[in-house]
Amino acid sequence: MKTRYLQVEEKENLIRDTRSQAILNTDLEGLKAYRTQKRKFNEIEKIKCDVDDIKCDIQEIKDMIRAISR
């Protein structure tokens, strides 16, 4: 019986699935680091959106105050 996974030459974190011919990455630490980085990026993007929403709300409040004080 043929081995399902073969080591990719000169690439210690890569294997080839002999059934599908797909190249698979086995670097779990790299995957964890990527997920952590992506989670932090998404949190920063959410904070940016929240700040933009607050800026818009403050501008609306300023416009209402100006309208009332006229």
PDB file of N, CA and C in Angstrom:
ATOM      1  N   MET A   1       0.842  -1.186   0.000  1.00  0.00           N
ATOM      2  CA  MET A   1       0.000   0.000   0.000  1.00  0.00           C
ATOM      3  C   MET A   1       0.889   1.252   0.000  1.00  0.00           C
ATOM      4  N   LYS A   2       0.503   2.228  -0.781  1.00  0.00           N
ATOM      5  CA  LYS A   2       1.275   3.446  -0.959  1.00  0.00           C
ATOM      6  C   LYS A   2       1.085   4.385   0.239  1.00  0.00           C
ATOM      7  N   THR A   3       2.156   5.059   0.662  1.00  0.00           N
ATOM      8  CA  THR A   3       2.083   6.035   1.736  1.00  0.00           C
ATOM      9  C   THR A   3       1.243   7.220   1.274  1.00  0.00           C
ATOM     10  N   ARG A   4       0.331   7.670   2.136  1.00  0.00           N
ATOM     11  CA  ARG A   4      -0.562   8.755   1.745  1.00  0.00           C
ATOM     12  C   ARG A   4       0.148  10.100   1.692  1.00  0.00           C
ATOM     13  N   TYR A   5       1.085  10.348   2.620  1.00  0.00           N
ATOM     14  CA  TYR A   5       1.765  11.641   2.671  1.00  0.00           C
ATOM     15  C   TYR A   5       3.251  11.462   2.435  1.00  0.00           C
ATOM     16  N   LEU A   6       3.818  12.329   1.605  1.00  0.00           N
ATOM     17  CA  LEU A   6       5.244  12.303   1.315  1.00  0.00           C
ATOM     18  C   LEU A   6       5.846  13.651   1.684  1.00  0.00           C
ATOM     19  N   GLN A   7       7.033  13.612   2.257  1.00  0.00           N
ATOM     20  CA  GLN A   7       7.734  14.840   2.607  1.00  0.00           C
ATOM     21  C   GLN A   7       8.151  15.574   1.336  1.00  0.00           C
ATOM     22  N   VAL A   8       7.920  16.884   1.305  1.00  0.00           N
ATOM     23  CA  VAL A   8       8.356  17.704   0.181  1.00  0.00           C
ATOM     24  C   VAL A   8       9.850  17.971   0.373  1.00  0.00           C
ATOM     25  N   GLU A   9      10.608  17.742  -0.669  1.00  0.00           N
ATOM     26  CA  GLU A   9      12.058  17.913  -0.576  1.00  0.00           C
ATOM     27  C   GLU A   9      12.425  19.344  -0.207  1.00  0.00           C
ATOM     28  N   GLU A  10      13.376  19.481   0.707  1.00  0.00           N
ATOM     29  CA  GLU A  10      13.933  20.755   1.147  1.00  0.00           C
ATOM     30  C   GLU A  10      12.917  21.667   1.836  1.00  0.00           C
ATOM     31  N   LYS A  11      11.772  21.141   2.223  1.00  0.00           N
ATOM     32  CA  LYS A  11      10.752  21.932   2.933  1.00  0.00           C
ATOM     33  C   LYS A  11      10.236  21.090   4.095  1.00  0.00           C
ATOM     34  N   GLU A  12      10.772  21.339   5.292  1.00  0.00           N
ATOM     35  CA  GLU A  12      10.449  20.463   6.413  1.00  0.00           C
ATOM     36  C   GLU A  12       9.005  20.577   6.894  1.00  0.00           C
ATOM     37  N   ASN A  13       8.333  21.699   6.620  1.00  0.00           N
ATOM     38  CA  ASN A  13       6.961  21.888   7.089  1.00  0.00           C
ATOM     39  C   ASN A  13       5.906  21.557   6.040  1.00  0.00           C
ATOM     40  N   LEU A  14       6.327  21.021   4.897  1.00  0.00           N
ATOM     41  CA  LEU A  14       5.374  20.730   3.833  1.00  0.00           C
ATOM     42  C   LEU A  14       5.354  19.243   3.512  1.00  0.00           C
ATOM     43  N   ILE A  15       4.123  18.726   3.298  1.00  0.00           N
ATOM     44  CA  ILE A  15       3.951  17.342   2.860  1.00  0.00           C
ATOM     45  C   ILE A  15       2.988  17.327   1.686  1.00  0.00           C
ATOM     46  N   ARG A  16       3.064  16.279   0.882  1.00  0.00           N
ATOM     47  CA  ARG A  16       2.153  16.136  -0.260  1.00  0.00           C
ATOM     48  C   ARG A  16       1.206  14.981   0.012  1.00  0.00           C
ATOM     49  N   ASP A  17      -0.095  15.244  -0.170  1.00  0.00           N
ATOM     50  CA  ASP A  17      -1.111  14.204  -0.092  1.00  0.00           C
ATOM     51  C   ASP A  17      -1.081  13.475  -1.438  1.00  0.00           C
ATOM     52  N   THR A  18      -0.754  12.193  -1.411  1.00  0.00           N
ATOM     53  CA  THR A  18      -0.599  11.459  -2.675  1.00  0.00           C
ATOM     54  C   THR A  18      -1.931  11.183  -3.362  1.00  0.00           C
ATOM     55  N   ARG A  19      -3.016  11.272  -2.639  1.00  0.00           N
ATOM     56  CA  ARG A  19      -4.333  11.058  -3.281  1.00  0.00           C
ATOM     57  C   ARG A  19      -4.779  12.284  -4.064  1.00  0.00           C
ATOM     58  N   SER A  20      -4.693  13.458  -3.427  1.00  0.00           N
ATOM     59  CA  SER A  20      -5.188  14.679  -4.075  1.00  0.00           C
ATOM     60  C   SER A  20      -4.073  15.508  -4.721  1.00  0.00           C
ATOM     61  N   GLN A  21      -2.829  15.155  -4.434  1.00  0.00           N
ATOM     62  CA  GLN A  21      -1.649  15.891  -4.891  1.00  0.00           C
ATOM     63  C   GLN A  21      -1.531  17.270  -4.237  1.00  0.00           C
ATOM     64  N   ALA A  22      -2.307  17.521  -3.190  1.00  0.00           N
ATOM     65  CA  ALA A  22      -2.257  18.808  -2.491  1.00  0.00           C
ATOM     66  C   ALA A  22      -0.990  18.890  -1.648  1.00  0.00           C
ATOM     67  N   ILE A  23      -0.476  20.108  -1.530  1.00  0.00           N
ATOM     68  CA  ILE A  23       0.642  20.380  -0.635  1.00  0.00           C
ATOM     69  C   ILE A  23       0.041  20.896   0.667  1.00  0.00           C
ATOM     70  N   LEU A  24       0.421  20.298   1.788  1.00  0.00           N
ATOM     71  CA  LEU A  24      -0.126  20.663   3.093  1.00  0.00           C
ATOM     72  C   LEU A  24       0.980  21.201   3.985  1.00  0.00           C
ATOM     73  N   ASN A  25       0.667  22.237   4.737  1.00  0.00           N
ATOM     74  CA  ASN A  25       1.626  22.829   5.664  1.00  0.00           C
ATOM     75  C   ASN A  25       1.388  22.217   7.041  1.00  0.00           C
ATOM     76  N   THR A  26       2.434  21.722   7.675  1.00  0.00           N
ATOM     77  CA  THR A  26       2.307  21.086   8.984  1.00  0.00           C
ATOM     78  C   THR A  26       2.854  21.963  10.103  1.00  0.00           C
ATOM     79  N   ASP A  27       3.127  23.231   9.835  1.00  0.00           N
ATOM     80  CA  ASP A  27       3.693  24.158  10.814  1.00  0.00           C
ATOM     81  C   ASP A  27       2.586  24.702  11.713  1.00  0.00           C
ATOM     82  N   LEU A  28       2.307  24.009  12.802  1.00  0.00           N
ATOM     83  CA  LEU A  28       1.225  24.416  13.705  1.00  0.00           C
ATOM     84  C   LEU A  28       1.552  25.707  14.455  1.00  0.00           C
ATOM     85  N   GLU A  29       2.809  25.908  14.804  1.00  0.00           N
ATOM     86  CA  GLU A  29       3.196  27.150  15.486  1.00  0.00           C
ATOM     87  C   GLU A  29       2.993  28.349  14.560  1.00  0.00           C
ATOM     88  N   GLY A  30       3.327  28.182  13.299  1.00  0.00           N
ATOM     89  CA  GLY A  30       3.100  29.242  12.324  1.00  0.00           C
ATOM     90  C   GLY A  30       1.614  29.538  12.166  1.00  0.00           C
ATOM     91  N   LEU A  31       0.800  28.503  12.175  1.00  0.00           N
ATOM     92  CA  LEU A  31      -0.655  28.678  12.078  1.00  0.00           C
ATOM     93  C   LEU A  31      -1.192  29.428  13.292  1.00  0.00           C
ATOM     94  N   LYS A  32      -0.709  29.057  14.477  1.00  0.00           N
ATOM     95  CA  LYS A  32      -1.140  29.755  15.699  1.00  0.00           C
ATOM     96  C   LYS A  32      -0.740  31.221  15.650  1.00  0.00           C
ATOM     97  N   ALA A  33       0.485  31.492  15.192  1.00  0.00           N
ATOM     98  CA  ALA A  33       0.960  32.880  15.096  1.00  0.00           C
ATOM     99  C   ALA A  33       0.111  33.661  14.098  1.00  0.00           C
ATOM    100  N   TYR A  34      -0.221  33.045  12.966  1.00  0.00           N
ATOM    101  CA  TYR A  34      -1.064  33.699  11.955  1.00  0.00           C
ATOM    102  C   TYR A  34      -2.444  34.019  12.529  1.00  0.00           C
ATOM    103  N   ARG A  35      -3.026  33.058  13.225  1.00  0.00           N
ATOM    104  CA  ARG A  35      -4.362  33.275  13.804  1.00  0.00           C
ATOM    105  C   ARG A  35      -4.340  34.386  14.853  1.00  0.00           C
ATOM    106  N   THR A  36      -3.288  34.428  15.660  1.00  0.00           N
ATOM    107  CA  THR A  36      -3.159  35.486  16.659  1.00  0.00           C
ATOM    108  C   THR A  36      -3.031  36.838  15.982  1.00  0.00           C
ATOM    109  N   GLN A  37      -2.195  36.908  14.954  1.00  0.00           N
ATOM    110  CA  GLN A  37      -2.009  38.153  14.217  1.00  0.00           C
ATOM    111  C   GLN A  37      -3.314  38.592  13.559  1.00  0.00           C
ATOM    112  N   LYS A  38      -4.028  37.655  12.976  1.00  0.00           N
ATOM    113  CA  LYS A  38      -5.295  37.979  12.314  1.00  0.00           C
ATOM    114  C   LYS A  38      -6.333  38.467  13.319  1.00  0.00           C
ATOM    115  N   ARG A  39      -6.376  37.817  14.493  1.00  0.00           N
ATOM    116  CA  ARG A  39      -7.326  38.222  15.535  1.00  0.00           C
ATOM    117  C   ARG A  39      -7.020  39.648  15.997  1.00  0.00           C
ATOM    118  N   LYS A  40      -5.734  39.971  16.192  1.00  0.00           N
ATOM    119  CA  LYS A  40      -5.346  41.323  16.606  1.00  0.00           C
ATOM    120  C   LYS A  40      -5.705  42.335  15.522  1.00  0.00           C
ATOM    121  N   PHE A  41      -5.453  41.988  14.261  1.00  0.00           N
ATOM    122  CA  PHE A  41      -5.791  42.874  13.152  1.00  0.00           C
ATOM    123  C   PHE A  41      -7.293  43.148  13.131  1.00  0.00           C
ATOM    124  N   ASN A  42      -8.102  42.099  13.305  1.00  0.00           N
ATOM    125  CA  ASN A  42      -9.557  42.263  13.299  1.00  0.00           C
ATOM    126  C   ASN A  42     -10.025  43.126  14.469  1.00  0.00           C
ATOM    127  N   GLU A  43      -9.396  42.973  15.634  1.00  0.00           N
ATOM    128  CA  GLU A  43      -9.739  43.799  16.785  1.00  0.00           C
ATOM    129  C   GLU A  43      -9.414  45.261  16.513  1.00  0.00           C
ATOM    130  N   ILE A  44      -8.260  45.516  15.897  1.00  0.00           N
ATOM    131  CA  ILE A  44      -7.873  46.891  15.568  1.00  0.00           C
ATOM    132  C   ILE A  44      -8.846  47.486  14.559  1.00  0.00           C
ATOM    133  N   GLU A  45      -9.221  46.712  13.558  1.00  0.00           N
ATOM    134  CA  GLU A  45     -10.176  47.207  12.556  1.00  0.00           C
ATOM    135  C   GLU A  45     -11.530  47.530  13.202  1.00  0.00           C
ATOM    136  N   LYS A  46     -11.972  46.708  14.149  1.00  0.00           N
ATOM    137  CA  LYS A  46     -13.232  46.966  14.840  1.00  0.00           C
ATOM    138  C   LYS A  46     -13.136  48.253  15.647  1.00  0.00           C
ATOM    139  N   ILE A  47     -12.008  48.452  16.322  1.00  0.00           N
ATOM    140  CA  ILE A  47     -11.813  49.682  17.097  1.00  0.00           C
ATOM    141  C   ILE A  47     -11.821  50.893  16.178  1.00  0.00           C
ATOM    142  N   LYS A  48     -11.180  50.782  15.007  1.00  0.00           N
ATOM    143  CA  LYS A  48     -11.189  51.886  14.042  1.00  0.00           C
ATOM    144  C   LYS A  48     -12.614  52.222  13.616  1.00  0.00           C
ATOM    145  N   CYS A  49     -13.412  51.203  13.350  1.00  0.00           N
ATOM    146  CA  CYS A  49     -14.814  51.429  12.955  1.00  0.00           C
ATOM    147  C   CYS A  49     -15.587  52.090  14.086  1.00  0.00           C
ATOM    148  N   ASP A  50     -15.354  51.634  15.312  1.00  0.00           N
ATOM    149  CA  ASP A  50     -16.028  52.235  16.469  1.00  0.00           C
ATOM    150  C   ASP A  50     -15.656  53.703  16.621  1.00  0.00           C
ATOM    151  N   VAL A  51     -14.380  54.027  16.458  1.00  0.00           N
ATOM    152  CA  VAL A  51     -13.915  55.417  16.556  1.00  0.00           C
ATOM    153  C   VAL A  51     -14.558  56.262  15.459  1.00  0.00           C
ATOM    154  N   ASP A  52     -14.625  55.735  14.242  1.00  0.00           N
ATOM    155  CA  ASP A  52     -15.269  56.474  13.151  1.00  0.00           C
ATOM    156  C   ASP A  52     -16.740  56.730  13.452  1.00  0.00           C
ATOM    157  N   ASP A  53     -17.424  55.728  14.017  1.00  0.00           N
ATOM    158  CA  ASP A  53     -18.834  55.901  14.398  1.00  0.00           C
ATOM    159  C   ASP A  53     -18.982  56.983  15.459  1.00  0.00           C
ATOM    160  N   ILE A  54     -18.082  56.986  16.434  1.00  0.00           N
ATOM    161  CA  ILE A  54     -18.130  57.995  17.500  1.00  0.00           C
ATOM    162  C   ILE A  54     -17.882  59.382  16.919  1.00  0.00           C
ATOM    163  N   LYS A  55     -16.937  59.495  15.989  1.00  0.00           N
ATOM    164  CA  LYS A  55     -16.668  60.782  15.343  1.00  0.00           C
ATOM    165  C   LYS A  55     -17.920  61.302  14.640  1.00  0.00           C
ATOM    166  N   CYS A  56     -18.613  60.422  13.940  1.00  0.00           N
ATOM    167  CA  CYS A  56     -19.841  60.825  13.240  1.00  0.00           C
ATOM    168  C   CYS A  56     -20.915  61.261  14.233  1.00  0.00           C
ATOM    169  N   ASP A  57     -21.046  60.511  15.313  1.00  0.00           N
ATOM    170  CA  ASP A  57     -22.032  60.868  16.340  1.00  0.00           C
ATOM    171  C   ASP A  57     -21.719  62.229  16.944  1.00  0.00           C
ATOM    172  N   ILE A  58     -20.460  62.489  17.239  1.00  0.00           N
ATOM    173  CA  ILE A  58     -20.060  63.776  17.815  1.00  0.00           C
ATOM    174  C   ILE A  58     -20.343  64.904  16.828  1.00  0.00           C
ATOM    175  N   GLN A  59     -20.065  64.679  15.547  1.00  0.00           N
ATOM    176  CA  GLN A  59     -20.338  65.708  14.547  1.00  0.00           C
ATOM    177  C   GLN A  59     -21.835  66.002  14.467  1.00  0.00           C
ATOM    178  N   GLU A  60     -22.660  64.965  14.545  1.00  0.00           N
ATOM    179  CA  GLU A  60     -24.112  65.174  14.533  1.00  0.00           C
ATOM    180  C   GLU A  60     -24.550  65.978  15.757  1.00  0.00           C
ATOM    181  N   ILE A  61     -23.987  65.669  16.903  1.00  0.00           N
ATOM    182  CA  ILE A  61     -24.326  66.411  18.124  1.00  0.00           C
ATOM    183  C   ILE A  61     -23.911  67.870  17.984  1.00  0.00           C
ATOM    184  N   LYS A  62     -22.711  68.124  17.450  1.00  0.00           N
ATOM    185  CA  LYS A  62     -22.255  69.496  17.229  1.00  0.00           C
ATOM    186  C   LYS A  62     -23.204  70.244  16.301  1.00  0.00           C
ATOM    187  N   ASP A  63     -23.611  69.554  15.206  1.00  0.00           N
ATOM    188  CA  ASP A  63     -24.528  70.190  14.254  1.00  0.00           C
ATOM    189  C   ASP A  63     -25.868  70.513  14.908  1.00  0.00           C
ATOM    190  N   MET A  64     -26.368  69.632  15.762  1.00  0.00           N
ATOM    191  CA  MET A  64     -27.640  69.890  16.472  1.00  0.00           C
ATOM    192  C   MET A  64     -27.493  71.057  17.424  1.00  0.00           C
ATOM    193  N   ILE A  65     -26.390  71.136  18.132  1.00  0.00           N
ATOM    194  CA  ILE A  65     -26.162  72.248  19.069  1.00  0.00           C
ATOM    195  C   ILE A  65     -26.087  73.564  18.312  1.00  0.00           C
ATOM    196  N   ARG A  66     -25.409  73.570  17.185  1.00  0.00           N
ATOM    197  CA  ARG A  66     -25.326  74.792  16.366  1.00  0.00           C
ATOM    198  C   ARG A  66     -26.716  75.217  15.877  1.00  0.00           C
ATOM    199  N   ALA A  67     -27.522  74.229  15.474  1.00  0.00           N
ATOM    200  CA  ALA A  67     -28.856  74.525  14.969  1.00  0.00           C
ATOM    201  C   ALA A  67     -29.740  75.097  16.078  1.00  0.00           C
ATOM    202  N   ILE A  68     -29.608  74.575  17.277  1.00  0.00           N
ATOM    203  CA  ILE A  68     -30.425  75.036  18.412  1.00  0.00           C
ATOM    204  C   ILE A  68     -29.978  76.437  18.841  1.00  0.00           C
ATOM    205  N   SER A  69     -28.674  76.696  18.798  1.00  0.00           N
ATOM    206  CA  SER A  69     -28.173  77.984  19.309  1.00  0.00           C
ATOM    207  C   SER A  69     -28.354  79.125  18.317  1.00  0.00           C
ATOM    208  N   ARG A  70     -28.834  78.871  17.149  1.00  0.00           N
ATOM    209  CA  ARG A  70     -29.044  79.947  16.159  1.00  0.00           C
ATOM    210  C   ARG A  70     -30.316  80.675  16.394  1.00  0.00           C
TER     211      ARG A  70
END
